[in-house]
N, C-alpha and C. Protein backbone atom coordinates (compact mmCIF):
# COMPACT_ATOMS: atom_id res chain seq x y z
N MET A 1 22.19 76.60 116.95
CA MET A 1 23.31 76.90 115.76
C MET A 1 24.19 76.05 116.72
N ALA A 2 25.13 75.70 115.65
CA ALA A 2 26.78 74.66 116.18
C ALA A 2 27.61 75.53 115.96
N TYR A 3 28.23 75.86 117.39
CA TYR A 3 29.71 76.60 116.95
C TYR A 3 30.86 75.48 116.98
N VAL A 4 31.90 76.34 116.61
CA VAL A 4 33.24 75.61 116.97
C VAL A 4 33.32 75.30 118.68
N ASP A 5 33.86 74.19 118.76
CA ASP A 5 34.32 74.33 120.45
C ASP A 5 35.47 75.31 120.45
N TRP A 6 35.57 75.81 121.74
CA TRP A 6 36.81 76.77 121.93
C TRP A 6 37.09 77.10 123.83
N ARG A 7 38.25 77.31 123.59
CA ARG A 7 37.79 77.96 125.35
C ARG A 7 39.67 78.13 125.28
N ILE A 8 39.72 79.11 126.30
CA ILE A 8 40.92 79.85 126.65
C ILE A 8 41.05 80.09 128.25
N ARG A 9 42.33 79.77 128.68
CA ARG A 9 42.07 80.03 129.94
C ARG A 9 43.13 80.15 130.62
N GLY A 10 43.81 81.37 131.23
CA GLY A 10 44.52 81.98 131.57
C GLY A 10 44.72 82.98 132.46
N SER A 11 45.73 84.23 132.86
CA SER A 11 46.12 84.93 133.04
C SER A 11 45.57 86.37 132.87
N GLU A 12 45.08 87.04 132.97
CA GLU A 12 44.63 88.73 132.56
C GLU A 12 45.00 89.70 133.02
N ILE A 13 45.23 90.81 132.41
CA ILE A 13 45.40 92.03 132.84
C ILE A 13 44.71 93.26 131.95
N SER A 14 43.97 94.03 133.04
CA SER A 14 43.24 95.04 132.23
C SER A 14 43.52 96.35 132.83
N ASN A 15 43.75 97.62 132.04
CA ASN A 15 43.96 98.90 132.23
C ASN A 15 42.96 99.88 132.04
N CYS A 16 42.55 101.09 132.64
CA CYS A 16 41.82 101.86 131.52
C CYS A 16 41.95 103.18 131.97
N ASN A 17 41.28 104.11 131.64
CA ASN A 17 41.19 105.36 131.94
C ASN A 17 40.31 106.22 132.74
N CYS A 18 39.47 105.12 133.35
CA CYS A 18 39.00 105.37 134.61
C CYS A 18 39.18 105.34 135.95
N ASP A 19 38.85 105.93 136.60
CA ASP A 19 39.28 105.76 138.24
C ASP A 19 39.11 104.35 139.13
N TRP A 20 40.08 104.66 139.84
CA TRP A 20 40.13 103.14 140.43
C TRP A 20 38.73 102.55 140.73
N GLY A 21 38.58 101.42 140.76
CA GLY A 21 37.03 100.69 140.47
C GLY A 21 36.24 100.48 139.30
N CYS A 22 36.55 101.04 138.46
CA CYS A 22 36.13 101.55 137.09
C CYS A 22 34.50 101.29 137.12
N PRO A 23 33.79 102.73 137.01
CA PRO A 23 32.25 102.68 137.11
C PRO A 23 31.56 101.53 135.90
N CYS A 24 32.30 100.98 134.82
CA CYS A 24 31.44 100.07 134.26
C CYS A 24 31.24 98.50 135.10
N GLN A 25 32.11 98.60 135.77
CA GLN A 25 31.86 97.49 136.42
C GLN A 25 30.67 97.07 137.68
N PHE A 26 30.32 98.34 137.73
CA PHE A 26 28.65 98.68 138.37
C PHE A 26 27.91 99.07 137.17
N ASN A 27 27.90 98.83 136.29
CA ASN A 27 26.71 99.94 135.11
C ASN A 27 26.46 101.14 135.41
N ALA A 28 27.58 101.73 135.55
CA ALA A 28 27.55 103.17 135.98
C ALA A 28 28.76 103.77 134.65
N LEU A 29 28.72 105.31 134.41
CA LEU A 29 29.21 105.65 133.24
C LEU A 29 30.50 105.97 133.82
N PRO A 30 31.31 105.91 132.44
CA PRO A 30 33.03 106.37 132.53
C PRO A 30 33.37 107.22 133.50
N THR A 31 34.48 107.25 134.19
CA THR A 31 34.75 108.78 134.78
C THR A 31 34.74 109.89 134.23
N ASN A 32 35.77 109.85 132.78
CA ASN A 32 35.94 111.10 132.09
C ASN A 32 34.69 111.24 131.06
N GLY A 33 33.77 110.74 130.77
CA GLY A 33 32.75 110.35 129.74
C GLY A 33 33.43 109.71 128.81
N ASP A 34 34.56 109.10 128.48
CA ASP A 34 34.62 108.25 127.10
C ASP A 34 35.28 107.11 127.91
N CYS A 35 36.05 106.17 127.11
CA CYS A 35 36.35 104.94 127.72
C CYS A 35 37.57 104.77 127.06
N ARG A 36 38.88 104.18 127.19
CA ARG A 36 39.90 103.74 126.65
C ARG A 36 41.06 102.87 127.29
N ALA A 37 40.97 101.73 126.75
CA ALA A 37 41.37 100.70 127.80
C ALA A 37 42.56 99.81 126.49
N MET A 38 42.93 98.81 127.80
CA MET A 38 43.81 97.42 127.14
C MET A 38 43.31 96.38 128.02
N THR A 39 43.41 95.11 127.47
CA THR A 39 43.34 93.80 127.66
C THR A 39 44.18 93.13 127.24
N ALA A 40 45.12 92.24 128.08
CA ALA A 40 46.31 91.09 127.65
C ALA A 40 45.91 90.07 128.50
N MET A 41 46.58 89.15 127.64
CA MET A 41 46.50 87.54 128.60
C MET A 41 47.21 86.65 127.87
N HIS A 42 47.24 85.76 129.14
CA HIS A 42 48.31 84.70 128.78
C HIS A 42 47.59 83.59 128.89
N ILE A 43 47.76 82.59 127.75
CA ILE A 43 46.71 81.58 127.61
C ILE A 43 47.73 80.10 128.08
N ASP A 44 46.95 79.29 129.54
CA ASP A 44 47.86 78.56 129.56
C ASP A 44 47.45 77.20 128.87
N GLU A 45 46.14 77.12 128.84
CA GLU A 45 45.31 76.48 128.17
C GLU A 45 44.49 76.77 126.87
N GLY A 46 44.29 75.99 126.02
CA GLY A 46 43.60 76.65 125.19
C GLY A 46 43.31 76.06 123.66
N HIS A 47 42.19 76.12 123.01
CA HIS A 47 41.98 75.41 121.98
C HIS A 47 40.95 75.92 120.98
N PHE A 48 41.05 75.77 119.85
CA PHE A 48 39.75 76.14 118.88
C PHE A 48 39.70 74.89 118.02
N GLY A 49 38.70 74.32 118.54
CA GLY A 49 38.53 73.06 117.60
C GLY A 49 39.70 72.03 117.64
N ASP A 50 40.09 71.70 116.67
CA ASP A 50 41.59 71.08 116.80
C ASP A 50 42.98 71.69 117.46
N VAL A 51 42.76 72.94 117.01
CA VAL A 51 44.17 73.92 117.23
C VAL A 51 44.42 74.37 118.52
N SER A 52 45.51 74.30 118.99
CA SER A 52 46.00 74.53 120.26
C SER A 52 46.18 75.66 120.39
N LEU A 53 45.94 76.20 121.50
CA LEU A 53 46.52 77.85 121.60
C LEU A 53 47.48 77.96 122.87
N ASP A 54 47.89 76.85 123.29
CA ASP A 54 48.75 76.93 124.91
C ASP A 54 49.43 78.14 124.82
N GLY A 55 49.94 78.93 125.23
CA GLY A 55 51.39 79.21 125.72
C GLY A 55 51.39 80.51 124.97
N LEU A 56 50.33 81.06 124.30
CA LEU A 56 50.50 82.09 123.41
C LEU A 56 49.51 83.49 124.25
N ASN A 57 50.15 84.47 124.04
CA ASN A 57 49.73 85.84 124.41
C ASN A 57 48.96 86.49 123.26
N TRP A 58 47.93 87.26 123.91
CA TRP A 58 47.25 88.87 123.12
C TRP A 58 47.27 89.85 123.66
N VAL A 59 47.15 90.98 123.22
CA VAL A 59 46.79 92.02 123.96
C VAL A 59 45.80 93.03 122.73
N GLY A 60 44.96 93.74 123.55
CA GLY A 60 44.17 94.73 122.44
C GLY A 60 44.11 96.00 123.39
N MET A 61 43.65 97.04 122.30
CA MET A 61 43.95 98.26 122.86
C MET A 61 42.09 99.06 122.22
N PHE A 62 41.75 99.40 122.84
CA PHE A 62 40.26 99.90 122.66
C PHE A 62 39.81 101.29 122.74
N ALA A 63 39.24 101.65 122.10
CA ALA A 63 38.45 103.53 122.48
C ALA A 63 37.29 103.64 122.20
N TRP A 64 36.34 104.29 122.96
CA TRP A 64 35.06 104.66 122.58
C TRP A 64 35.10 106.30 123.05
N PRO A 65 34.08 107.13 122.20
CA PRO A 65 34.33 108.31 122.38
C PRO A 65 33.27 108.77 123.96
N LYS A 66 32.42 107.59 124.21
CA LYS A 66 31.46 107.72 124.80
C LYS A 66 31.46 106.65 125.63
N ALA A 67 30.43 106.26 126.58
CA ALA A 67 30.45 104.78 127.23
C ALA A 67 30.51 104.00 126.19
N ILE A 68 30.63 102.52 126.36
CA ILE A 68 30.81 101.62 125.40
C ILE A 68 29.38 101.24 125.26
N HIS A 69 28.54 101.17 125.70
CA HIS A 69 27.14 100.46 125.17
C HIS A 69 26.88 101.88 124.38
N GLU A 70 27.28 102.88 124.30
CA GLU A 70 27.05 103.92 122.71
C GLU A 70 27.75 104.02 121.60
N GLY A 71 28.61 102.75 121.71
CA GLY A 71 29.34 102.23 120.62
C GLY A 71 29.71 103.17 119.81
N ALA A 72 29.94 103.18 118.57
CA ALA A 72 31.61 103.71 117.93
C ALA A 72 32.90 103.44 118.19
N GLY A 73 32.95 102.16 118.72
CA GLY A 73 34.42 101.98 118.89
C GLY A 73 35.25 101.66 118.25
N GLU A 74 36.56 101.62 118.34
CA GLU A 74 37.78 101.19 117.80
C GLU A 74 38.61 100.01 118.41
N ALA A 75 39.07 99.18 117.38
CA ALA A 75 40.18 97.99 118.49
C ALA A 75 41.21 97.75 117.64
N PHE A 76 42.34 97.57 118.28
CA PHE A 76 43.48 97.08 117.79
C PHE A 76 44.16 95.98 118.10
N VAL A 77 44.24 94.61 117.75
CA VAL A 77 44.59 93.30 118.65
C VAL A 77 46.06 93.41 118.14
N ILE A 78 46.63 92.69 119.17
CA ILE A 78 48.27 92.37 118.85
C ILE A 78 48.38 90.68 119.15
N VAL A 79 48.50 89.81 118.23
CA VAL A 79 48.42 88.18 118.58
C VAL A 79 50.23 87.92 118.72
N ASP A 80 50.35 87.29 119.51
CA ASP A 80 51.76 86.80 119.60
C ASP A 80 52.10 86.11 118.34
N GLU A 81 53.40 86.85 118.02
CA GLU A 81 54.07 86.53 116.72
C GLU A 81 54.38 84.81 116.79
N LYS A 82 54.74 84.32 117.89
CA LYS A 82 55.10 82.63 117.65
C LYS A 82 53.60 81.90 117.09
N ALA A 83 52.49 82.61 117.13
CA ALA A 83 51.35 81.73 116.49
C ALA A 83 51.50 81.37 115.00
N ASN A 84 51.03 80.00 114.92
CA ASN A 84 50.73 79.80 113.53
C ASN A 84 50.12 80.31 112.56
N GLN A 85 49.57 80.34 111.52
CA GLN A 85 48.62 80.69 110.94
C GLN A 85 47.20 80.13 111.57
N ALA A 86 47.14 79.06 111.57
CA ALA A 86 45.78 78.38 112.46
C ALA A 86 45.85 78.92 113.61
N GLN A 87 46.62 79.32 114.46
CA GLN A 87 46.38 79.59 115.62
C GLN A 87 46.02 81.18 115.10
N ARG A 88 46.78 81.89 114.75
CA ARG A 88 46.33 83.52 114.53
C ARG A 88 44.81 83.50 114.14
N ASP A 89 44.64 82.76 113.08
CA ASP A 89 42.89 82.87 112.97
C ASP A 89 41.88 82.54 113.69
N ALA A 90 42.65 81.21 114.84
CA ALA A 90 41.35 81.12 115.54
C ALA A 90 41.47 82.31 116.73
N LEU A 91 42.36 82.54 117.11
CA LEU A 91 42.38 83.80 118.12
C LEU A 91 41.87 85.11 117.41
N LEU A 92 42.14 85.16 116.32
CA LEU A 92 41.28 86.43 115.61
C LEU A 92 39.69 86.28 115.73
N THR A 93 39.34 85.26 115.67
CA THR A 93 37.91 84.81 115.56
C THR A 93 37.45 84.89 116.89
N ILE A 94 38.01 84.31 117.76
CA ILE A 94 37.30 84.24 118.88
C ILE A 94 37.50 85.97 119.93
N LEU A 95 38.59 86.43 119.76
CA LEU A 95 38.92 88.12 120.02
C LEU A 95 37.22 89.02 119.01
N SER A 96 37.02 88.72 117.96
CA SER A 96 36.21 89.61 117.59
C SER A 96 34.84 88.78 117.63
N GLY A 97 34.70 87.74 118.67
CA GLY A 97 33.25 87.78 118.91
C GLY A 97 32.57 86.44 118.10
N GLY A 98 33.05 85.82 117.29
CA GLY A 98 32.95 84.60 116.14
C GLY A 98 32.99 83.39 117.31
N GLU A 99 32.06 82.43 116.86
CA GLU A 99 31.95 81.20 117.19
C GLU A 99 31.77 81.13 118.69
N THR A 100 30.64 82.32 118.96
CA THR A 100 30.19 82.25 120.36
C THR A 100 28.67 82.42 120.49
N GLU A 101 28.16 81.78 121.89
CA GLU A 101 27.08 82.05 121.81
C GLU A 101 26.66 83.47 121.85
N PRO A 102 25.70 84.45 121.75
CA PRO A 102 25.58 85.63 121.89
C PRO A 102 25.33 86.40 123.03
N GLY A 103 26.29 87.07 123.20
CA GLY A 103 26.37 87.81 124.53
C GLY A 103 26.92 87.03 125.58
N ALA A 104 27.33 86.09 125.34
CA ALA A 104 28.41 85.18 126.47
C ALA A 104 29.76 85.55 126.81
N THR A 105 30.47 86.18 125.98
CA THR A 105 31.64 86.42 126.21
C THR A 105 31.68 87.92 125.92
N ILE A 106 32.81 88.97 126.91
CA ILE A 106 33.41 90.13 126.75
C ILE A 106 33.71 90.09 125.31
N PHE A 107 34.20 89.37 124.69
CA PHE A 107 34.54 89.57 122.76
C PHE A 107 33.01 89.79 122.27
N ASN A 108 32.46 88.97 122.31
CA ASN A 108 31.11 88.77 121.65
C ASN A 108 29.82 89.91 121.99
N VAL A 109 29.93 90.63 123.06
CA VAL A 109 29.62 91.75 123.33
C VAL A 109 30.27 93.08 122.70
N PHE A 110 31.40 93.04 123.06
CA PHE A 110 32.43 94.48 122.69
C PHE A 110 32.20 94.33 120.99
N SER A 111 31.80 93.20 120.68
CA SER A 111 32.26 93.29 119.13
C SER A 111 30.86 94.07 118.11
N THR A 112 29.60 94.41 119.27
CA THR A 112 28.54 94.66 118.60
C THR A 112 28.48 96.42 119.22
N VAL A 113 29.52 96.93 119.70
CA VAL A 113 30.07 98.21 119.96
C VAL A 113 31.11 98.81 119.28
N ILE A 114 31.98 97.83 118.26
CA ILE A 114 32.90 98.35 117.71
C ILE A 114 32.58 98.37 116.35
N ASP A 115 32.95 99.82 115.68
CA ASP A 115 32.98 100.09 114.63
C ASP A 115 34.04 99.78 113.36
N ARG A 116 34.80 99.60 114.50
CA ARG A 116 36.44 100.09 113.49
C ARG A 116 37.43 98.84 114.05
N MET A 117 37.91 98.09 113.39
CA MET A 117 39.08 96.91 113.73
C MET A 117 39.91 97.22 112.60
N HIS A 118 41.07 98.06 113.45
CA HIS A 118 42.11 97.78 112.80
C HIS A 118 42.97 96.56 112.50
N GLU A 119 43.46 96.59 111.28
CA GLU A 119 44.00 95.41 110.69
C GLU A 119 45.03 94.90 112.32
N PRO A 120 45.43 93.70 112.66
CA PRO A 120 46.21 93.02 113.36
C PRO A 120 47.46 93.01 113.06
N ALA A 121 48.22 92.79 114.08
CA ALA A 121 49.74 92.89 114.09
C ALA A 121 50.23 91.61 114.78
N PHE A 122 51.38 91.32 114.04
CA PHE A 122 51.79 89.89 114.54
C PHE A 122 53.03 90.05 115.23
N LEU A 123 53.48 90.55 116.61
CA LEU A 123 54.77 90.66 117.45
C LEU A 123 54.61 89.96 118.81
N PRO A 124 56.24 90.33 119.00
CA PRO A 124 56.32 89.51 120.50
C PRO A 124 55.72 90.24 122.04
N ILE A 125 55.33 89.90 122.50
CA ILE A 125 54.44 90.10 123.82
C ILE A 125 55.21 89.52 124.86
N MET A 126 55.44 90.96 125.66
CA MET A 126 56.07 90.44 127.02
C MET A 126 54.84 90.71 127.95
N PHE A 127 54.56 89.37 128.81
CA PHE A 127 53.55 89.60 129.71
C PHE A 127 53.86 88.96 130.81
N GLU A 128 53.67 89.38 132.16
CA GLU A 128 54.26 88.98 133.64
C GLU A 128 53.34 89.47 134.39
N VAL A 129 52.71 88.39 135.25
CA VAL A 129 51.54 89.00 136.24
C VAL A 129 51.64 88.28 137.47
N ASP A 130 51.87 88.87 138.71
CA ASP A 130 51.56 88.03 139.83
C ASP A 130 50.18 88.64 140.38
N ILE A 131 49.04 87.65 140.37
CA ILE A 131 47.64 88.32 140.48
C ILE A 131 47.40 88.55 141.98
N ASP A 132 48.05 87.84 142.85
CA ASP A 132 47.78 88.09 144.55
C ASP A 132 48.97 88.82 145.00
N ARG A 133 49.73 89.15 144.26
CA ARG A 133 50.59 90.72 144.75
C ARG A 133 49.64 91.85 143.75
N ARG A 134 49.38 91.74 142.71
CA ARG A 134 48.87 92.96 141.82
C ARG A 134 49.86 93.58 141.26
N GLU A 135 50.96 92.93 140.80
CA GLU A 135 51.46 93.21 139.83
C GLU A 135 51.62 92.25 138.50
N GLY A 136 51.86 93.32 137.60
CA GLY A 136 52.10 93.02 136.28
C GLY A 136 52.71 94.11 135.13
N ARG A 137 53.22 93.58 134.15
CA ARG A 137 53.27 94.12 133.09
C ARG A 137 53.27 93.51 131.72
N VAL A 138 52.79 94.18 130.37
CA VAL A 138 52.18 93.78 129.41
C VAL A 138 53.20 95.06 128.30
N ARG A 139 54.21 94.43 127.74
CA ARG A 139 54.95 95.36 126.54
C ARG A 139 54.96 94.49 125.03
N VAL A 140 54.65 95.67 124.22
CA VAL A 140 55.31 95.24 122.96
C VAL A 140 56.28 96.41 122.51
N GLU A 141 57.29 96.24 122.11
CA GLU A 141 58.35 97.54 121.76
C GLU A 141 57.83 98.10 120.46
N ASP A 142 58.14 99.69 120.92
CA ASP A 142 57.38 100.45 119.93
C ASP A 142 55.76 100.65 119.89
N VAL A 143 54.91 99.87 120.67
CA VAL A 143 53.30 99.96 120.42
C VAL A 143 52.50 100.33 122.23
N ILE A 144 53.11 99.32 123.00
CA ILE A 144 52.26 99.59 124.23
C ILE A 144 52.93 99.03 125.34
N ASP A 145 53.09 99.89 126.48
CA ASP A 145 53.33 99.66 127.74
C ASP A 145 52.81 99.77 128.64
N THR A 146 52.38 98.60 129.54
CA THR A 146 51.31 98.67 130.66
C THR A 146 51.93 98.16 132.19
N ARG A 147 51.84 99.01 133.25
CA ARG A 147 52.71 98.46 134.53
C ARG A 147 51.64 98.53 135.19
N ILE A 148 51.09 97.50 136.21
CA ILE A 148 50.18 97.23 137.12
C ILE A 148 51.03 96.73 138.37
N CYS A 149 50.30 98.08 139.45
CA CYS A 149 50.82 97.56 140.92
C CYS A 149 49.68 98.06 141.73
N PRO A 150 50.05 97.64 142.75
CA PRO A 150 48.55 97.79 143.98
C PRO A 150 48.17 99.08 144.38
N ILE A 151 47.36 99.35 144.48
CA ILE A 151 46.73 100.64 145.10
C ILE A 151 46.95 100.59 146.07
N ARG A 152 47.39 101.68 146.31
CA ARG A 152 47.78 101.95 147.91
C ARG A 152 47.30 102.99 148.71
N ASN A 153 47.36 103.15 150.11
CA ASN A 153 47.06 103.89 151.14
C ASN A 153 47.93 105.42 151.04
N PRO A 154 46.72 106.41 150.29
CA PRO A 154 47.52 107.35 150.71
C PRO A 154 48.46 108.53 151.50
N ILE A 155 48.23 107.67 152.72
CA ILE A 155 49.17 108.39 153.73
C ILE A 155 50.14 107.42 154.19
N THR A 156 49.95 106.25 154.29
CA THR A 156 50.89 105.27 155.16
C THR A 156 51.74 104.57 153.47
N GLY A 157 51.05 104.45 152.38
CA GLY A 157 51.87 103.70 151.05
C GLY A 157 51.48 102.42 151.19
N GLU A 158 50.83 101.86 152.45
CA GLU A 158 50.83 100.35 152.23
C GLU A 158 49.74 99.89 151.26
N ALA A 159 50.08 98.72 150.62
CA ALA A 159 49.43 98.00 149.56
C ALA A 159 47.70 97.95 149.89
N HIS A 160 46.64 98.52 149.18
CA HIS A 160 45.51 98.16 149.35
C HIS A 160 44.87 96.88 148.81
N ARG A 161 43.89 96.08 149.42
CA ARG A 161 43.47 95.08 148.56
C ARG A 161 42.28 95.04 148.23
N ALA A 162 41.25 95.10 146.77
CA ALA A 162 40.00 95.24 146.80
C ALA A 162 39.56 94.36 145.75
N ARG A 163 38.96 93.47 145.98
CA ARG A 163 38.24 91.72 145.35
C ARG A 163 36.95 91.82 144.81
N VAL A 164 36.90 91.94 143.78
CA VAL A 164 35.66 91.64 143.21
C VAL A 164 34.99 90.70 142.63
N SER A 165 33.87 90.31 142.98
CA SER A 165 33.12 89.01 142.38
C SER A 165 31.85 89.50 141.27
N LEU A 166 32.19 88.86 140.48
CA LEU A 166 30.95 89.10 139.56
C LEU A 166 30.65 87.67 138.70
N PRO A 167 29.15 87.12 139.34
CA PRO A 167 28.85 86.01 139.42
C PRO A 167 28.33 85.66 137.93
N ASN A 168 27.91 86.48 137.56
CA ASN A 168 27.06 86.86 135.82
C ASN A 168 27.95 87.18 135.18
N GLY A 169 29.33 87.51 135.45
CA GLY A 169 30.37 88.34 134.43
C GLY A 169 30.81 87.53 133.09
N PHE A 170 30.97 88.28 132.06
CA PHE A 170 31.12 87.76 130.70
C PHE A 170 32.76 87.92 130.44
N GLU A 171 33.52 88.34 131.44
CA GLU A 171 34.76 88.49 131.46
C GLU A 171 35.28 87.65 132.56
N TYR A 172 35.29 88.13 133.44
CA TYR A 172 35.60 87.40 135.04
C TYR A 172 34.70 87.14 135.72
N LYS A 173 34.76 86.34 136.92
CA LYS A 173 33.71 85.71 138.03
C LYS A 173 34.31 86.45 139.09
N GLU A 174 35.64 86.54 139.37
CA GLU A 174 36.44 87.08 140.52
C GLU A 174 37.58 87.73 139.73
N ALA A 175 37.97 89.31 140.44
CA ALA A 175 39.24 89.97 139.73
C ALA A 175 40.03 90.82 141.11
N GLU A 176 41.26 90.89 141.10
CA GLU A 176 41.73 91.51 142.12
C GLU A 176 42.23 92.87 141.53
N TYR A 177 41.47 93.92 142.14
CA TYR A 177 41.97 95.55 141.61
C TYR A 177 43.02 95.90 142.14
N ALA A 178 43.28 96.94 141.07
CA ALA A 178 44.96 97.50 141.10
C ALA A 178 44.91 98.47 140.58
N SER A 179 45.95 99.47 140.48
CA SER A 179 46.43 100.58 139.69
C SER A 179 47.40 100.44 138.65
N GLY A 180 46.83 100.93 137.62
CA GLY A 180 47.58 101.11 136.33
C GLY A 180 48.41 102.13 135.38
N ASP A 181 49.31 101.84 134.87
CA ASP A 181 49.61 102.98 133.63
C ASP A 181 49.82 102.34 132.64
N THR A 182 49.38 102.81 131.48
CA THR A 182 49.68 102.60 129.64
C THR A 182 49.86 103.61 129.20
N LYS A 183 50.63 103.36 128.12
CA LYS A 183 50.94 104.42 127.23
C LYS A 183 51.75 103.71 125.96
N ALA A 184 50.46 103.91 125.24
CA ALA A 184 50.22 102.87 123.22
C ALA A 184 50.34 104.13 122.47
N ASP A 185 51.40 103.78 121.24
CA ASP A 185 51.39 104.36 120.49
C ASP A 185 50.69 103.84 119.11
N GLY A 186 50.57 102.69 118.71
CA GLY A 186 49.89 101.89 117.71
C GLY A 186 48.74 102.57 117.25
N SER A 187 47.72 101.71 116.55
CA SER A 187 46.48 102.20 115.97
C SER A 187 45.26 103.01 117.06
N VAL A 188 45.30 102.48 118.18
CA VAL A 188 44.79 103.03 119.20
C VAL A 188 45.93 103.47 119.75
N SER A 189 45.78 104.77 120.48
CA SER A 189 46.69 105.77 121.34
C SER A 189 45.95 105.32 122.89
N LEU A 190 46.76 105.31 123.80
CA LEU A 190 46.40 104.91 124.95
C LEU A 190 47.88 106.03 125.78
N ASN A 191 47.01 107.04 126.94
CA ASN A 191 48.16 107.68 127.56
C ASN A 191 47.59 107.88 129.10
N TRP A 192 47.73 107.36 129.95
CA TRP A 192 47.33 107.55 131.27
C TRP A 192 48.03 107.29 132.26
N THR A 193 48.49 107.36 133.76
CA THR A 193 48.96 107.19 135.10
C THR A 193 47.82 106.37 136.38
N SER A 194 48.17 105.85 136.90
CA SER A 194 47.35 105.53 138.20
C SER A 194 45.94 105.27 137.88
N CYS A 195 45.13 104.50 137.30
CA CYS A 195 43.92 104.42 136.87
C CYS A 195 43.30 102.91 137.04
N HIS A 196 42.29 102.66 137.26
CA HIS A 196 41.78 101.66 137.09
C HIS A 196 42.54 100.47 136.28
N ALA A 197 42.67 99.15 137.31
CA ALA A 197 43.50 98.27 136.92
C ALA A 197 42.83 96.86 137.60
N HIS A 198 42.63 95.76 137.20
CA HIS A 198 42.21 94.48 137.31
C HIS A 198 43.06 93.66 136.96
N VAL A 199 43.45 92.50 137.57
CA VAL A 199 44.12 90.95 136.87
C VAL A 199 43.26 89.76 137.73
N ALA A 200 43.00 89.00 136.82
CA ALA A 200 42.33 88.12 137.26
C ALA A 200 42.74 86.55 136.24
N MET A 201 42.61 85.10 136.93
CA MET A 201 42.10 84.24 136.34
C MET A 201 41.13 84.17 135.28
N ILE A 202 41.23 83.92 134.09
CA ILE A 202 39.78 83.79 133.22
C ILE A 202 39.84 82.50 132.51
N ASP A 203 38.60 82.03 132.43
CA ASP A 203 38.18 80.77 131.64
C ASP A 203 37.01 80.92 131.03
N LEU A 204 37.25 81.11 129.17
CA LEU A 204 36.06 81.86 128.50
C LEU A 204 36.13 80.60 127.49
N SER A 205 34.74 80.71 126.99
CA SER A 205 34.59 79.45 126.15
C SER A 205 33.44 79.92 125.24
N THR A 206 32.89 78.81 124.14
CA THR A 206 31.84 79.32 123.39
C THR A 206 30.81 79.38 123.75
N HIS A 207 30.64 79.20 125.27
CA HIS A 207 29.32 79.25 126.35
C HIS A 207 29.26 80.44 127.34
N GLY A 208 30.58 81.21 127.10
CA GLY A 208 30.53 81.81 128.45
C GLY A 208 31.92 81.87 129.10
N ALA A 209 31.95 82.48 130.63
CA ALA A 209 32.73 82.66 131.53
C ALA A 209 32.39 81.28 132.39
N ALA A 210 33.36 80.79 132.79
CA ALA A 210 33.62 79.70 133.81
C ALA A 210 33.90 80.30 135.55
């Protein structure tokens, strides 16, 4: 089957309600029995066919009543208000798993376990990240605020560094692990402090993660 050629490369912030490390990364069940998460990205370089996606941000909020693979999830996506109609359509296609080889990206995999896609929004997205320092922030006014910081030694307070490599990953190949707080009041509500987070440079395309 022929697919539209697309690629998005840039920095990612992800934060969920699991303990640091996130059991999902190791094929284990979620810490609290359910999974709630946010993921955001700044696209340094990107295209969908002839449509440039350079410089755009997006953020998604997700919830599953049990483990992700058990399904019945819901998702709410916000796309950068700067995107024109062609860019909006392109990003929503990518994020919903379209024009992608089956199982090749996290978006395509998640599309099989999400039952409800809320209407997307198009709003200003603040996105800041320093991957080496494991620090970052994603904010959409009146919708979501995520703050990322290093995991710290409980005795000394020193920053603890943990890096995970997933050679066959469909989201990232390598990520820095961190701690995050998220409060979201949009169509998918989220609320936690000091839970798992990771930051990474991701490079996803029609054919998977590079």
